[in-house]
Amino acid sequence: MNKTELISAMSEKAEISKKDVEKALTAFTNIVADTLVDGDKVAITGFGTFETVERAARTGRNPKTGESIQISASKSPKFKAGKALKDTVKA
């Protein structure tokens, strides 16, 4: 499902216009991104948690040449599914 399909499905399910759903979805994604940039996490009970993880610098290998390369430290977003979501998907 892509963003357009998600907006259509949410619009039908909530009986809200697609324009309003798109505004709400955009606001949600912006708020989650801004919160992660600030180093905080977003927890939605029953659904899951969005958080930022830090990856340490490490030595890797160039798969083409086999040469060692230095991979710098970085931050990456992470999503951990909540119990209710896991149970729903299992069923």
C-alpha atoms as a PDB file:
ATOM      1  CA  MET A   1       0.000   0.000   0.000  1.00  0.00           C
ATOM      2  CA  ASN A   2       1.399   3.393  -0.959  1.00  0.00           C
ATOM      3  CA  LYS A   3       0.546   6.810   0.484  1.00  0.00           C
ATOM      4  CA  THR A   4      -2.304   7.495  -1.971  1.00  0.00           C
ATOM      5  CA  GLU A   5      -3.914   4.126  -1.227  1.00  0.00           C
ATOM      6  CA  LEU A   6      -3.499   4.702   2.514  1.00  0.00           C
ATOM      7  CA  ILE A   7      -5.191   8.103   2.270  1.00  0.00           C
ATOM      8  CA  SER A   8      -8.099   6.574   0.329  1.00  0.00           C
ATOM      9  CA  ALA A   9      -8.512   3.738   2.831  1.00  0.00           C
ATOM     10  CA  MET A  10      -8.373   6.094   5.821  1.00  0.00           C
ATOM     11  CA  SER A  11     -10.868   8.413   4.150  1.00  0.00           C
ATOM     12  CA  GLU A  12     -13.368   5.581   3.639  1.00  0.00           C
ATOM     13  CA  LYS A  13     -12.868   4.063   7.113  1.00  0.00           C
ATOM     14  CA  ALA A  14     -13.146   7.362   9.023  1.00  0.00           C
ATOM     15  CA  GLU A  15     -15.668   8.938   6.647  1.00  0.00           C
ATOM     16  CA  ILE A  16     -13.480  12.033   6.275  1.00  0.00           C
ATOM     17  CA  SER A  17     -12.486  13.816   3.069  1.00  0.00           C
ATOM     18  CA  LYS A  18      -9.252  12.746   1.410  1.00  0.00           C
ATOM     19  CA  LYS A  19      -7.950  16.304   1.729  1.00  0.00           C
ATOM     20  CA  ASP A  20      -8.413  16.263   5.528  1.00  0.00           C
ATOM     21  CA  VAL A  21      -6.855  12.801   5.796  1.00  0.00           C
ATOM     22  CA  GLU A  22      -3.841  13.947   3.773  1.00  0.00           C
ATOM     23  CA  LYS A  23      -3.373  16.964   6.086  1.00  0.00           C
ATOM     24  CA  ALA A  24      -3.600  14.722   9.169  1.00  0.00           C
ATOM     25  CA  LEU A  25      -1.203  12.134   7.744  1.00  0.00           C
ATOM     26  CA  THR A  26       1.313  14.808   6.747  1.00  0.00           C
ATOM     27  CA  ALA A  27       1.075  16.382  10.212  1.00  0.00           C
ATOM     28  CA  PHE A  28       1.601  12.956  11.826  1.00  0.00           C
ATOM     29  CA  THR A  29       4.696  12.123   9.773  1.00  0.00           C
ATOM     30  CA  ASN A  30       6.177  15.604  10.334  1.00  0.00           C
ATOM     31  CA  ILE A  31       5.630  15.407  14.094  1.00  0.00           C
ATOM     32  CA  VAL A  32       7.182  11.932  14.302  1.00  0.00           C
ATOM     33  CA  ALA A  33      10.198  13.061  12.243  1.00  0.00           C
ATOM     34  CA  ASP A  34      10.681  16.252  14.305  1.00  0.00           C
ATOM     35  CA  THR A  35      10.427  14.277  17.546  1.00  0.00           C
ATOM     36  CA  LEU A  36      13.031  11.757  16.365  1.00  0.00           C
ATOM     37  CA  VAL A  37      15.366  14.564  15.281  1.00  0.00           C
ATOM     38  CA  ASP A  38      15.108  15.971  18.823  1.00  0.00           C
ATOM     39  CA  GLY A  39      16.193  12.575  20.178  1.00  0.00           C
ATOM     40  CA  ASP A  40      12.842  11.682  21.742  1.00  0.00           C
ATOM     41  CA  LYS A  41      10.566   8.759  20.955  1.00  0.00           C
ATOM     42  CA  VAL A  42       6.913   8.476  19.960  1.00  0.00           C
ATOM     43  CA  ALA A  43       4.963   5.649  21.611  1.00  0.00           C
ATOM     44  CA  ILE A  44       1.479   4.768  20.383  1.00  0.00           C
ATOM     45  CA  THR A  45      -0.004   2.251  22.811  1.00  0.00           C
ATOM     46  CA  GLY A  46      -1.102  -0.912  21.052  1.00  0.00           C
ATOM     47  CA  PHE A  47       0.579   0.069  17.791  1.00  0.00           C
ATOM     48  CA  GLY A  48       4.287   0.605  18.412  1.00  0.00           C
ATOM     49  CA  THR A  49       7.173   2.916  19.167  1.00  0.00           C
ATOM     50  CA  PHE A  50       9.228   5.116  16.860  1.00  0.00           C
ATOM     51  CA  GLU A  51      12.709   5.927  18.177  1.00  0.00           C
ATOM     52  CA  THR A  52      16.202   6.883  17.084  1.00  0.00           C
ATOM     53  CA  VAL A  53      19.141   4.499  17.443  1.00  0.00           C
ATOM     54  CA  GLU A  54      22.782   5.466  17.235  1.00  0.00           C
ATOM     55  CA  ARG A  55      25.166   3.299  15.284  1.00  0.00           C
ATOM     56  CA  ALA A  56      28.819   3.392  16.290  1.00  0.00           C
ATOM     57  CA  ALA A  57      31.627   3.955  13.802  1.00  0.00           C
ATOM     58  CA  ARG A  58      33.028   0.688  12.490  1.00  0.00           C
ATOM     59  CA  THR A  59      35.285  -0.852   9.908  1.00  0.00           C
ATOM     60  CA  GLY A  60      33.573  -2.481   6.940  1.00  0.00           C
ATOM     61  CA  ARG A  61      34.556  -4.017   3.630  1.00  0.00           C
ATOM     62  CA  ASN A  62      33.955  -2.780   0.106  1.00  0.00           C
ATOM     63  CA  PRO A  63      32.185  -5.792  -1.452  1.00  0.00           C
ATOM     64  CA  LYS A  64      33.601  -5.018  -4.885  1.00  0.00           C
ATOM     65  CA  THR A  65      37.282  -4.767  -3.972  1.00  0.00           C
ATOM     66  CA  GLY A  66      37.440  -6.396  -0.513  1.00  0.00           C
ATOM     67  CA  GLU A  67      39.228  -3.269   0.718  1.00  0.00           C
ATOM     68  CA  SER A  68      38.627  -2.152   4.336  1.00  0.00           C
ATOM     69  CA  ILE A  69      36.690   1.088   4.692  1.00  0.00           C
ATOM     70  CA  GLN A  70      35.761   3.209   7.675  1.00  0.00           C
ATOM     71  CA  ILE A  71      31.997   3.606   8.200  1.00  0.00           C
ATOM     72  CA  SER A  72      31.187   6.697  10.245  1.00  0.00           C
ATOM     73  CA  ALA A  73      28.783   6.801  13.192  1.00  0.00           C
ATOM     74  CA  SER A  74      25.174   7.584  12.329  1.00  0.00           C
ATOM     75  CA  LYS A  75      21.648   7.896  13.679  1.00  0.00           C
ATOM     76  CA  SER A  76      18.814   5.859  12.235  1.00  0.00           C
ATOM     77  CA  PRO A  77      15.043   5.721  12.839  1.00  0.00           C
ATOM     78  CA  LYS A  78      13.639   2.497  14.268  1.00  0.00           C
ATOM     79  CA  PHE A  79      10.089   1.178  14.689  1.00  0.00           C
ATOM     80  CA  LYS A  80       9.208  -1.480  17.234  1.00  0.00           C
ATOM     81  CA  ALA A  81       5.746  -3.001  16.843  1.00  0.00           C
ATOM     82  CA  GLY A  82       3.533  -3.140  19.940  1.00  0.00           C
ATOM     83  CA  LYS A  83       1.987  -6.310  21.329  1.00  0.00           C
ATOM     84  CA  ALA A  84      -1.519  -5.589  19.990  1.00  0.00           C
ATOM     85  CA  LEU A  85      -0.188  -5.029  16.450  1.00  0.00           C
ATOM     86  CA  LYS A  86       1.909  -8.196  16.622  1.00  0.00           C
ATOM     87  CA  ASP A  87      -1.088 -10.206  17.836  1.00  0.00           C
ATOM     88  CA  THR A  88      -3.299  -8.800  15.056  1.00  0.00           C
ATOM     89  CA  VAL A  89      -0.764  -9.714  12.370  1.00  0.00           C
ATOM     90  CA  LYS A  90      -0.265 -13.230  13.799  1.00  0.00           C
ATOM     91  CA  ALA A  91      -3.977 -14.030  13.695  1.00  0.00           C
END
